[in-house]
C-alpha atoms as a PDB file:
ATOM      1  CA  MET A   1       0.000   0.000   0.000  1.00  0.00           C
ATOM      2  CA  ALA A   2       1.337   3.435  -0.923  1.00  0.00           C
ATOM      3  CA  ARG A   3       1.928   5.933   1.863  1.00  0.00           C
ATOM      4  CA  LEU A   4       0.782   9.523   1.743  1.00  0.00           C
ATOM      5  CA  THR A   5       3.432  12.200   1.868  1.00  0.00           C
ATOM      6  CA  SER A   6       3.573  14.117   5.117  1.00  0.00           C
ATOM      7  CA  ARG A   7       2.608  17.354   3.374  1.00  0.00           C
ATOM      8  CA  PHE A   8      -0.488  15.745   1.810  1.00  0.00           C
ATOM      9  CA  TRP A   9      -1.578  14.319   5.185  1.00  0.00           C
ATOM     10  CA  VAL A  10      -1.030  17.631   6.988  1.00  0.00           C
ATOM     11  CA  ASP A  11      -2.979  19.562   4.339  1.00  0.00           C
ATOM     12  CA  GLY A  12      -5.874  17.095   4.614  1.00  0.00           C
ATOM     13  CA  TYR A  13      -5.824  17.219   8.418  1.00  0.00           C
ATOM     14  CA  LEU A  14      -5.857  21.020   8.466  1.00  0.00           C
ATOM     15  CA  THR A  15      -8.784  21.000   6.038  1.00  0.00           C
ATOM     16  CA  ARG A  16     -10.758  18.629   8.276  1.00  0.00           C
ATOM     17  CA  LEU A  17     -10.101  20.815  11.286  1.00  0.00           C
ATOM     18  CA  ARG A  18     -11.111  23.941   9.375  1.00  0.00           C
ATOM     19  CA  LEU A  19     -14.384  22.293   8.282  1.00  0.00           C
ATOM     20  CA  ALA A  20     -15.105  21.538  11.961  1.00  0.00           C
ATOM     21  CA  ASP A  21     -14.289  25.158  12.924  1.00  0.00           C
ATOM     22  CA  ILE A  22     -11.309  24.050  15.000  1.00  0.00           C
ATOM     23  CA  PRO A  23      -8.343  26.455  14.760  1.00  0.00           C
ATOM     24  CA  ALA A  24      -5.008  24.844  13.909  1.00  0.00           C
ATOM     25  CA  PHE A  25      -1.597  26.098  12.859  1.00  0.00           C
ATOM     26  CA  VAL A  26       1.610  24.666  11.460  1.00  0.00           C
ATOM     27  CA  VAL A  27       4.160  25.522  14.152  1.00  0.00           C
ATOM     28  CA  ALA A  28       7.028  23.646  12.506  1.00  0.00           C
ATOM     29  CA  HIS A  29       7.143  22.644   8.841  1.00  0.00           C
ATOM     30  CA  GLY A  30       8.882  19.303   8.576  1.00  0.00           C
ATOM     31  CA  ASP A  31      10.047  17.321   5.572  1.00  0.00           C
ATOM     32  CA  ASP A  32       7.326  17.379   2.909  1.00  0.00           C
ATOM     33  CA  ASN A  33       7.759  13.741   1.942  1.00  0.00           C
ATOM     34  CA  ALA A  34       8.648  11.755   5.019  1.00  0.00           C
ATOM     35  CA  GLY A  35       8.627  14.001   8.090  1.00  0.00           C
ATOM     36  CA  ALA A  36       6.940  12.642  11.189  1.00  0.00           C
ATOM     37  CA  VAL A  37       3.902  14.579  12.435  1.00  0.00           C
ATOM     38  CA  LEU A  38       3.309  15.667  16.019  1.00  0.00           C
ATOM     39  CA  VAL A  39      -0.044  17.186  17.006  1.00  0.00           C
ATOM     40  CA  LYS A  40      -0.328  19.474  20.026  1.00  0.00           C
ATOM     41  CA  LEU A  41      -3.803  20.032  21.444  1.00  0.00           C
ATOM     42  CA  ALA A  42      -4.087  23.193  23.554  1.00  0.00           C
ATOM     43  CA  THR A  43      -7.350  23.523  25.469  1.00  0.00           C
ATOM     44  CA  LEU A  44      -6.685  27.229  26.157  1.00  0.00           C
ATOM     45  CA  ASP A  45      -6.751  26.771  29.929  1.00  0.00           C
ATOM     46  CA  GLY A  46      -3.011  26.273  30.400  1.00  0.00           C
ATOM     47  CA  ARG A  47      -3.237  22.532  29.678  1.00  0.00           C
ATOM     48  CA  ALA A  48      -2.172  20.633  26.576  1.00  0.00           C
ATOM     49  CA  GLN A  49      -1.443  17.217  25.095  1.00  0.00           C
ATOM     50  CA  ALA A  50       1.026  16.194  22.412  1.00  0.00           C
ATOM     51  CA  PHE A  51       0.309  13.202  20.179  1.00  0.00           C
ATOM     52  CA  THR A  52       2.756  11.224  18.051  1.00  0.00           C
ATOM     53  CA  ARG A  53       2.168   8.413  15.625  1.00  0.00           C
ATOM     54  CA  GLY A  54       3.019   5.037  17.108  1.00  0.00           C
ATOM     55  CA  PHE A  55       3.506   1.660  15.460  1.00  0.00           C
ATOM     56  CA  ASP A  56       2.895  -1.687  17.153  1.00  0.00           C
ATOM     57  CA  LEU A  57       5.493  -4.135  15.792  1.00  0.00           C
ATOM     58  CA  ALA A  58       3.494  -7.137  17.001  1.00  0.00           C
ATOM     59  CA  THR A  59       0.234  -6.241  15.256  1.00  0.00           C
ATOM     60  CA  GLY A  60       1.370  -3.811  12.561  1.00  0.00           C
ATOM     61  CA  GLU A  61      -1.256  -1.309  13.684  1.00  0.00           C
ATOM     62  CA  ARG A  62      -0.654   2.430  13.781  1.00  0.00           C
ATOM     63  CA  ALA A  63      -2.168   4.639  16.464  1.00  0.00           C
ATOM     64  CA  TRP A  64      -1.809   8.103  17.963  1.00  0.00           C
ATOM     65  CA  ASP A  65       0.026   7.919  21.289  1.00  0.00           C
ATOM     66  CA  VAL A  66       0.257  10.620  23.931  1.00  0.00           C
ATOM     67  CA  LEU A  67       3.831  11.927  24.069  1.00  0.00           C
ATOM     68  CA  ALA A  68       3.161  14.435  26.848  1.00  0.00           C
ATOM     69  CA  GLU A  69       0.219  15.966  28.679  1.00  0.00           C
ATOM     70  CA  GLY A  70      -0.339  18.442  31.457  1.00  0.00           C
ATOM     71  CA  ASP A  71       0.830  22.012  31.866  1.00  0.00           C
ATOM     72  CA  GLU A  72       1.225  23.609  28.437  1.00  0.00           C
ATOM     73  CA  ARG A  73       4.776  24.787  29.212  1.00  0.00           C
ATOM     74  CA  ASP A  74       5.811  21.210  30.008  1.00  0.00           C
ATOM     75  CA  VAL A  75       4.207  19.928  26.810  1.00  0.00           C
ATOM     76  CA  ASP A  76       5.990  22.653  24.825  1.00  0.00           C
ATOM     77  CA  ALA A  77       9.287  21.579  26.408  1.00  0.00           C
ATOM     78  CA  ALA A  78       8.660  17.954  25.394  1.00  0.00           C
ATOM     79  CA  ILE A  79       7.921  19.088  21.835  1.00  0.00           C
ATOM     80  CA  ALA A  80      11.119  21.153  21.772  1.00  0.00           C
ATOM     81  CA  ARG A  81      13.091  18.071  22.839  1.00  0.00           C
ATOM     82  CA  GLN A  82      11.489  16.033  20.040  1.00  0.00           C
ATOM     83  CA  ARG A  83      12.364  18.751  17.512  1.00  0.00           C
ATOM     84  CA  GLY A  84      15.954  18.601  18.788  1.00  0.00           C
ATOM     85  CA  PHE A  85      16.061  14.884  17.902  1.00  0.00           C
ATOM     86  CA  ASP A  86      14.187  15.220  14.605  1.00  0.00           C
ATOM     87  CA  PRO A  87      14.630  18.404  12.547  1.00  0.00           C
ATOM     88  CA  ASP A  88      12.231  17.004   9.888  1.00  0.00           C
ATOM     89  CA  LEU A  89       9.342  16.886  12.391  1.00  0.00           C
ATOM     90  CA  TRP A  90       6.058  18.617  11.613  1.00  0.00           C
ATOM     91  CA  VAL A  91       4.311  20.236  14.596  1.00  0.00           C
ATOM     92  CA  ILE A  92       0.621  21.087  14.245  1.00  0.00           C
ATOM     93  CA  GLU A  93      -1.013  23.056  17.062  1.00  0.00           C
ATOM     94  CA  VAL A  94      -4.750  22.602  17.511  1.00  0.00           C
ATOM     95  CA  GLU A  95      -6.620  25.000  19.810  1.00  0.00           C
ATOM     96  CA  ASP A  96      -9.957  23.812  21.123  1.00  0.00           C
ATOM     97  CA  ARG A  97     -11.554  24.369  24.525  1.00  0.00           C
ATOM     98  CA  GLN A  98     -13.586  21.163  24.093  1.00  0.00           C
ATOM     99  CA  GLY A  99     -10.462  19.073  23.518  1.00  0.00           C
ATOM    100  CA  ARG A 100     -11.317  18.063  19.954  1.00  0.00           C
ATOM    101  CA  HIS A 101      -8.430  17.006  17.731  1.00  0.00           C
ATOM    102  CA  LEU A 102     -10.215  14.615  15.305  1.00  0.00           C
ATOM    103  CA  LEU A 103      -7.325  12.112  15.424  1.00  0.00           C
ATOM    104  CA  ASP A 104      -9.817   9.437  16.493  1.00  0.00           C
ATOM    105  CA  GLN A 105     -11.876   9.780  13.294  1.00  0.00           C
ATOM    106  CA  ASP A 106     -11.799   7.437  10.298  1.00  0.00           C
ATOM    107  CA  GLY A 107      -8.898   8.180   7.995  1.00  0.00           C
ATOM    108  CA  LEU A 108      -6.917   9.920  10.735  1.00  0.00           C
ATOM    109  CA  ARG A 109      -6.676   7.310  13.464  1.00  0.00           C
ATOM    110  CA  ASP A 110      -5.259   4.526  11.262  1.00  0.00           C
END
């Protein structure tokens, strides 16, 4: 099965968020073809979560895993560390008081 480029996935994700009236921004533009994507969800109350794409070697399934959660400054620090390891990393910031990120929807969760 062919994989989508990172840029194509990010553009589609941002469109889905926009259609749901959920503000989102590209904080760091990674490699267009193969950069990993990290999604930060800020609930605008000083709290946040950061999600990364995980891969289960036993089952072959892909899922969004929580990299960090809690105080937004701590989550930002975790994201900065990840960017230090991976300069090709995309960082998308989603801002939603209700905690919606859409990563659990069909086409985004798999």
